[in-house]
Amino acid sequence: MKTLKAKYYLVPAAVCLIGLFALAYYFTMSCFSSQQQTQYVYIDEDDNVDSVFAKLQPYGNTHGMYGLRTMVRHTNYSDHIRTGRYAIEPDMSILNVLRRLKNGQQAPLMLTIPESRTMDRLAAVLGKKLMLDSITIIQAVTDSNFCRKWGYTTATIPALFVPNTYEVYWNLSLDQFMQRMKKEHDAFWSYDRRHKANALQLTPDEVCTLASIVDEETANVGEKPMIAGMYLNRLEKGMLLQADPTVKFALQNFGLRRIYKAMLSTDSPYNTYVYEGLPPGPIKIASVKGIDAVLNRVSHDYLYMCAKEDFSGTHNFARTYNEHLENAARYVKALNQRGIK
């Protein structure tokens, strides 16, 4: 009799237990996403639990969102929201979504440092890719105390950045970002590169400054070492560099196609028609190929160069000023014939 009563109660208990397991599965292990591809949710410092749900809503299916809301109510997630870029994968369970959000298990992103002409342009790019605000970045890199902290001035700070693609987390702080850039910079400036810079009697910052001019002179990678060699020849002889890109930088007019005589007298420490030696710092974030072109410059005795009249993007080099004037006359004639002003 007792055995029959035990069986009588056992069946409902088993049904309840199965129901509890099914309910638990529904709220934890069933699929959250309604998408067929991985989506990314960005949670920043201003988000609360409601805004997090709003950001997840476009990617979660109906029961996935319901299950997540139910589980969140039984955790302390609302009081400990963690910023970051989170991947929501197609087959991810509700429980795994919550785990990632709660534990701050972010998905890294690939950040490309571009060869920006100005620091405000770099800040704009970073502001679109990172949680960092572009205004915060530009205020920092134009602050002398902040730059000094990393061993630079507001003029030389572009030399810190090595154009490349790096894996980072979206929510890294400004100091974390700068630490990463300093680490990558130091790794880039290997013993071999520093040894070559010393042989040229240049610091890495000065190499970057000259490389930035070379970069602006031509997009032709094969010609960069020739141009670097010419400018180094002028530096060694104490001649003015007379680099047109420095005039454009001084005027902050990068679209100029012709440099007129009146522009050459622009009073700026960046104008190498007026001031001797290198500018105070790079006129852009120098490319790796530009830097290596300076470090591996072609040794020759050219002192002048002028863009070729065929507009090929390359240059005619000259040893004497008279020869240079002949090259310049052909180029000016070609500009006039094309109506370029």
Protein backbone atom coordinates (compact mmCIF):
# COMPACT_ATOMS: atom_id res chain seq x y z
CA MET A 1 0.00 0.00 0.00
CA LYS A 2 2.82 2.35 0.95
CA THR A 3 4.56 1.51 -2.32
CA LEU A 4 1.47 2.48 -4.31
CA LYS A 5 1.20 5.80 -2.46
CA ALA A 6 4.89 6.52 -3.13
CA LYS A 7 4.36 5.88 -6.83
CA TYR A 8 1.28 8.02 -6.74
CA TYR A 9 3.28 11.04 -5.49
CA LEU A 10 6.37 10.24 -7.56
CA VAL A 11 4.70 10.78 -10.93
CA PRO A 12 3.54 14.38 -10.27
CA ALA A 13 6.92 15.16 -8.71
CA ALA A 14 8.68 13.88 -11.81
CA VAL A 15 6.35 15.90 -14.03
CA CYS A 16 7.07 19.03 -11.97
CA LEU A 17 10.78 18.33 -12.11
CA ILE A 18 10.70 17.91 -15.89
CA GLY A 19 8.69 21.10 -16.14
CA LEU A 20 11.24 22.96 -14.04
CA PHE A 21 14.07 21.65 -16.22
CA ALA A 22 12.18 22.68 -19.35
CA LEU A 23 11.53 26.12 -17.90
CA ALA A 24 15.16 26.50 -16.89
CA TYR A 25 16.25 25.47 -20.37
CA TYR A 26 13.85 27.95 -21.93
CA PHE A 27 15.22 30.80 -19.84
CA THR A 28 18.89 29.86 -20.06
CA MET A 29 19.98 27.52 -22.83
CA SER A 30 17.65 28.37 -25.70
CA CYS A 31 18.94 30.60 -28.48
CA PHE A 32 18.89 34.34 -27.87
CA SER A 33 19.62 35.79 -31.31
CA SER A 34 17.21 36.37 -34.15
CA GLN A 35 20.09 37.11 -36.56
CA GLN A 36 21.99 34.83 -38.91
CA GLN A 37 25.25 36.74 -38.50
CA THR A 38 27.22 37.94 -35.47
CA GLN A 39 26.11 41.36 -34.31
CA TYR A 40 27.87 43.76 -31.95
CA VAL A 41 26.36 45.73 -29.10
CA TYR A 42 28.24 48.77 -27.71
CA ILE A 43 27.57 49.58 -24.06
CA ASP A 44 29.00 52.85 -22.78
CA GLU A 45 29.19 54.68 -19.47
CA ASP A 46 25.79 56.36 -19.91
CA ASP A 47 23.88 53.10 -20.30
CA ASN A 48 21.48 51.70 -17.72
CA VAL A 49 19.74 48.35 -17.79
CA ASP A 50 16.84 49.69 -19.88
CA SER A 51 19.13 51.18 -22.53
CA VAL A 52 21.11 47.92 -22.63
CA PHE A 53 17.89 46.03 -23.36
CA ALA A 54 17.04 48.62 -26.02
CA LYS A 55 20.40 48.02 -27.71
CA LEU A 56 19.91 44.25 -27.59
CA GLN A 57 16.30 44.35 -28.81
CA PRO A 58 17.08 44.48 -32.58
CA TYR A 59 19.18 41.30 -32.31
CA GLY A 60 17.23 39.16 -29.85
CA ASN A 61 14.20 36.97 -30.59
CA THR A 62 11.04 37.35 -28.51
CA HIS A 63 11.63 34.59 -25.99
CA GLY A 64 15.35 35.43 -25.90
CA MET A 65 14.64 38.96 -24.73
CA TYR A 66 12.00 37.74 -22.29
CA GLY A 67 14.36 35.15 -20.88
CA LEU A 68 17.20 37.65 -20.53
CA ARG A 69 14.98 40.17 -18.76
CA THR A 70 13.79 37.44 -16.38
CA MET A 71 17.33 36.32 -15.57
CA VAL A 72 18.60 39.88 -15.10
CA ARG A 73 15.90 40.46 -12.46
CA HIS A 74 17.51 37.70 -10.39
CA THR A 75 21.08 39.07 -10.65
CA ASN A 76 22.89 42.27 -9.65
CA TYR A 77 23.67 43.16 -13.28
CA SER A 78 21.56 46.34 -13.14
CA ASP A 79 23.94 47.76 -10.53
CA HIS A 80 27.14 46.59 -12.23
CA ILE A 81 26.80 47.34 -15.94
CA ARG A 82 30.14 46.96 -17.70
CA THR A 83 31.05 48.97 -20.76
CA GLY A 84 32.35 47.29 -23.87
CA ARG A 85 31.78 45.87 -27.33
CA TYR A 86 29.94 42.56 -27.07
CA ALA A 87 29.46 39.96 -29.79
CA ILE A 88 25.98 38.45 -30.10
CA GLU A 89 26.46 35.27 -32.10
CA PRO A 90 23.63 33.48 -33.97
CA ASP A 91 23.70 30.31 -31.85
CA MET A 92 24.44 31.95 -28.50
CA SER A 93 22.25 30.95 -25.57
CA ILE A 94 20.47 33.43 -23.34
CA LEU A 95 22.71 32.40 -20.45
CA ASN A 96 25.88 33.06 -22.44
CA VAL A 97 24.65 36.49 -23.45
CA LEU A 98 24.13 37.36 -19.80
CA ARG A 99 27.51 35.91 -18.85
CA ARG A 100 29.31 38.03 -21.41
CA LEU A 101 27.54 41.20 -20.34
CA LYS A 102 27.92 40.51 -16.63
CA ASN A 103 31.57 39.46 -16.78
CA GLY A 104 32.67 42.06 -19.31
CA GLN A 105 33.73 39.44 -21.87
CA GLN A 106 34.23 41.80 -24.79
CA ALA A 107 34.99 41.13 -28.42
CA PRO A 108 38.15 43.01 -29.51
CA LEU A 109 38.18 45.13 -32.64
CA MET A 110 40.85 45.89 -35.23
CA LEU A 111 41.93 49.54 -34.96
CA THR A 112 43.86 51.07 -37.85
CA ILE A 113 46.02 54.10 -37.12
CA PRO A 114 45.93 56.13 -40.35
CA GLU A 115 48.59 58.42 -41.82
CA SER A 116 46.65 61.49 -40.67
CA ARG A 117 47.80 64.96 -41.75
CA THR A 118 46.68 66.55 -38.48
CA MET A 119 45.99 65.34 -34.97
CA ASP A 120 42.38 66.50 -35.07
CA ARG A 121 41.84 64.19 -38.06
CA LEU A 122 43.36 61.31 -36.10
CA ALA A 123 41.12 62.16 -33.14
CA ALA A 124 38.07 62.09 -35.42
CA VAL A 125 38.99 58.61 -36.69
CA LEU A 126 39.60 57.30 -33.17
CA GLY A 127 36.38 58.84 -31.89
CA LYS A 128 34.42 56.82 -34.45
CA LYS A 129 36.15 53.55 -33.61
CA LEU A 130 36.53 53.75 -29.81
CA MET A 131 34.47 54.72 -26.80
CA LEU A 132 36.86 57.66 -26.39
CA ASP A 133 35.44 61.02 -27.39
CA SER A 134 37.30 62.79 -30.21
CA ILE A 135 37.26 66.09 -28.30
CA THR A 136 38.90 64.42 -25.30
CA ILE A 137 41.62 63.02 -27.56
CA ILE A 138 42.41 66.29 -29.35
CA GLN A 139 42.44 68.21 -26.06
CA ALA A 140 44.95 65.69 -24.69
CA VAL A 141 47.38 65.64 -27.62
CA THR A 142 47.38 69.46 -27.78
CA ASP A 143 48.12 69.74 -24.06
CA SER A 144 51.84 70.16 -23.32
CA ASN A 145 51.65 68.49 -19.91
CA PHE A 146 49.88 65.44 -21.30
CA CYS A 147 52.39 65.09 -24.16
CA ARG A 148 55.32 65.53 -21.78
CA LYS A 149 54.01 62.60 -19.75
CA TRP A 150 54.70 60.35 -22.75
CA GLY A 151 58.01 61.97 -23.67
CA TYR A 152 56.80 64.30 -26.43
CA THR A 153 55.81 67.87 -27.16
CA THR A 154 52.61 68.96 -28.86
CA ALA A 155 54.68 69.28 -32.05
CA THR A 156 56.40 65.87 -31.88
CA ILE A 157 53.45 63.78 -30.59
CA PRO A 158 52.56 62.57 -34.14
CA ALA A 159 55.87 60.66 -34.07
CA LEU A 160 54.48 58.40 -31.35
CA PHE A 161 51.95 56.81 -33.69
CA VAL A 162 53.00 54.03 -36.06
CA PRO A 163 50.43 53.47 -38.82
CA ASN A 164 49.30 49.88 -38.52
CA THR A 165 46.31 47.79 -37.48
CA TYR A 166 46.06 46.77 -33.83
CA GLU A 167 43.70 44.54 -31.88
CA VAL A 168 42.22 46.57 -29.01
CA TYR A 169 39.16 46.75 -26.82
CA TRP A 170 36.56 49.37 -27.70
CA ASN A 171 36.30 50.78 -24.17
CA LEU A 172 39.99 51.27 -23.41
CA SER A 173 40.80 54.50 -21.56
CA LEU A 174 42.93 57.31 -22.96
CA ASP A 175 45.89 56.25 -20.81
CA GLN A 176 45.47 52.63 -21.90
CA PHE A 177 45.37 53.75 -25.53
CA MET A 178 48.53 55.83 -25.12
CA GLN A 179 50.30 53.00 -23.29
CA ARG A 180 49.49 50.68 -26.20
CA MET A 181 50.73 53.19 -28.75
CA LYS A 182 53.96 53.70 -26.76
CA LYS A 183 54.47 49.94 -26.58
CA GLU A 184 53.96 49.57 -30.33
CA HIS A 185 56.23 52.56 -31.02
CA ASP A 186 59.04 51.11 -28.91
CA ALA A 187 58.67 47.72 -30.60
CA PHE A 188 58.76 49.35 -34.04
CA TRP A 189 61.92 51.27 -33.21
CA SER A 190 64.07 48.17 -33.03
CA TYR A 191 67.83 48.17 -32.50
CA ASP A 192 68.34 48.09 -36.26
CA ARG A 193 66.15 51.14 -36.92
CA ARG A 194 67.67 53.11 -34.03
CA HIS A 195 71.17 52.20 -35.21
CA LYS A 196 70.39 53.52 -38.70
CA ALA A 197 68.92 56.71 -37.22
CA ASN A 198 72.05 57.26 -35.13
CA ALA A 199 74.18 56.80 -38.25
CA LEU A 200 72.24 59.68 -39.83
CA GLN A 201 72.66 61.70 -36.62
CA LEU A 202 68.89 61.85 -36.25
CA THR A 203 66.57 60.91 -33.40
CA PRO A 204 63.53 58.70 -34.13
CA ASP A 205 61.34 61.81 -33.85
CA GLU A 206 63.50 63.63 -36.40
CA VAL A 207 63.36 60.62 -38.73
CA CYS A 208 59.56 60.72 -38.50
CA THR A 209 59.59 64.46 -39.21
CA LEU A 210 61.67 64.04 -42.36
CA ALA A 211 59.66 60.96 -43.37
CA SER A 212 56.44 62.98 -43.09
CA ILE A 213 57.83 65.46 -45.63
CA VAL A 214 58.96 62.65 -47.94
CA ASP A 215 55.48 61.08 -47.71
CA GLU A 216 53.86 64.35 -48.75
CA GLU A 217 56.28 64.81 -51.64
CA THR A 218 55.34 61.56 -53.38
CA ALA A 219 53.14 58.50 -53.24
CA ASN A 220 55.73 56.64 -55.29
CA VAL A 221 57.30 54.26 -52.76
CA GLY A 222 60.29 53.52 -55.00
CA GLU A 223 61.24 57.20 -55.16
CA LYS A 224 60.99 57.93 -51.43
CA PRO A 225 64.61 56.87 -50.62
CA MET A 226 65.87 59.19 -53.39
CA ILE A 227 63.93 62.15 -51.99
CA ALA A 228 65.09 61.32 -48.47
CA GLY A 229 68.68 61.29 -49.71
CA MET A 230 68.26 64.71 -51.31
CA TYR A 231 66.87 66.30 -48.15
CA LEU A 232 69.59 64.72 -46.04
CA ASN A 233 72.17 66.20 -48.42
CA ARG A 234 70.65 69.64 -47.90
CA LEU A 235 70.64 69.20 -44.12
CA GLU A 236 74.29 68.16 -44.12
CA LYS A 237 75.24 71.27 -46.15
CA GLY A 238 73.19 73.60 -43.93
CA MET A 239 70.84 74.49 -46.78
CA LEU A 240 67.19 75.33 -46.33
CA LEU A 241 65.06 72.26 -47.05
CA GLN A 242 62.61 74.35 -49.10
CA ALA A 243 59.99 71.60 -49.03
CA ASP A 244 56.64 72.64 -50.51
CA PRO A 245 54.61 70.35 -48.21
CA THR A 246 55.82 72.32 -45.19
CA VAL A 247 54.35 75.47 -46.74
CA LYS A 248 51.01 73.71 -47.18
CA PHE A 249 51.16 72.63 -43.54
CA ALA A 250 52.05 76.12 -42.38
CA LEU A 251 49.04 77.47 -44.28
CA GLN A 252 46.89 74.46 -43.24
CA ASN A 253 45.81 74.24 -46.86
CA PHE A 254 46.49 70.71 -48.04
CA GLY A 255 44.62 71.06 -51.32
CA LEU A 256 47.06 73.49 -52.89
CA ARG A 257 48.26 72.35 -56.30
CA ARG A 258 50.63 75.26 -56.86
CA ILE A 259 52.88 77.06 -54.43
CA TYR A 260 53.27 80.74 -55.32
CA LYS A 261 56.19 82.96 -54.34
CA ALA A 262 54.09 84.98 -51.87
CA MET A 263 53.35 81.78 -49.94
CA LEU A 264 57.04 81.02 -49.45
CA SER A 265 57.44 83.86 -46.95
CA THR A 266 54.73 82.55 -44.61
CA ASP A 267 56.05 83.09 -41.09
CA SER A 268 55.76 79.67 -39.47
CA PRO A 269 58.40 77.43 -37.86
CA TYR A 270 57.08 74.73 -40.19
CA ASN A 271 57.95 76.76 -43.31
CA THR A 272 61.28 75.33 -44.45
CA TYR A 273 61.68 78.16 -46.99
CA VAL A 274 62.10 80.52 -44.02
CA TYR A 275 63.53 78.44 -41.16
CA GLU A 276 66.61 76.23 -41.34
CA GLY A 277 66.67 72.55 -40.49
CA LEU A 278 63.72 70.29 -39.83
CA PRO A 279 60.32 71.60 -38.72
CA PRO A 280 59.45 71.35 -34.99
CA GLY A 281 57.69 68.03 -35.63
CA PRO A 282 56.08 65.83 -38.28
CA ILE A 283 53.67 67.46 -40.72
CA LYS A 284 51.65 64.21 -40.69
CA ILE A 285 51.81 60.79 -39.11
CA ALA A 286 54.63 59.34 -41.18
CA SER A 287 54.13 56.04 -42.99
CA VAL A 288 56.27 53.01 -42.19
CA LYS A 289 57.55 53.09 -45.79
CA GLY A 290 58.40 56.76 -45.41
CA ILE A 291 60.33 56.12 -42.19
CA ASP A 292 62.22 53.21 -43.73
CA ALA A 293 62.93 55.32 -46.82
CA VAL A 294 64.75 57.84 -44.63
CA LEU A 295 66.61 55.13 -42.71
CA ASN A 296 67.61 53.46 -45.99
CA ARG A 297 68.05 56.61 -48.07
CA VAL A 298 69.84 56.42 -51.41
CA SER A 299 73.27 58.04 -51.28
CA HIS A 300 73.73 60.50 -54.15
CA ASP A 301 74.84 64.11 -54.72
CA TYR A 302 71.51 65.64 -55.78
CA LEU A 303 70.51 68.84 -53.99
CA TYR A 304 67.35 69.84 -55.87
CA MET A 305 64.20 68.24 -57.19
CA CYS A 306 61.11 69.31 -59.07
CA ALA A 307 57.96 67.45 -60.02
CA LYS A 308 58.13 66.00 -63.50
CA GLU A 309 56.22 67.83 -66.19
CA ASP A 310 54.41 64.61 -67.16
CA PHE A 311 52.53 64.66 -63.83
CA SER A 312 53.59 61.09 -63.14
CA GLY A 313 54.01 61.84 -59.45
CA THR A 314 57.79 61.45 -59.70
CA HIS A 315 60.56 64.05 -59.82
CA ASN A 316 63.47 65.36 -61.82
CA PHE A 317 66.59 65.63 -59.63
CA ALA A 318 69.39 68.12 -60.12
CA ARG A 319 72.90 68.70 -58.78
CA THR A 320 73.08 72.41 -59.60
CA TYR A 321 70.68 75.30 -59.19
CA ASN A 322 70.77 76.15 -62.89
CA GLU A 323 69.82 72.60 -63.79
CA HIS A 324 67.00 72.82 -61.24
CA LEU A 325 65.72 76.05 -62.81
CA GLU A 326 65.47 74.29 -66.17
CA ASN A 327 63.44 71.46 -64.59
CA ALA A 328 61.23 73.97 -62.78
CA ALA A 329 60.58 75.93 -65.96
CA ARG A 330 59.32 72.81 -67.74
CA TYR A 331 57.02 71.99 -64.83
CA VAL A 332 55.59 75.53 -64.60
CA LYS A 333 54.95 75.48 -68.34
CA ALA A 334 53.05 72.19 -67.99
CA LEU A 335 50.98 73.66 -65.11
CA ASN A 336 50.08 76.69 -67.20
CA GLN A 337 49.15 74.56 -70.21
CA ARG A 338 46.75 72.57 -68.03
CA GLY A 339 45.34 75.68 -66.41
CA ILE A 340 46.31 74.52 -62.91
CA LYS A 341 46.29 77.39 -60.46
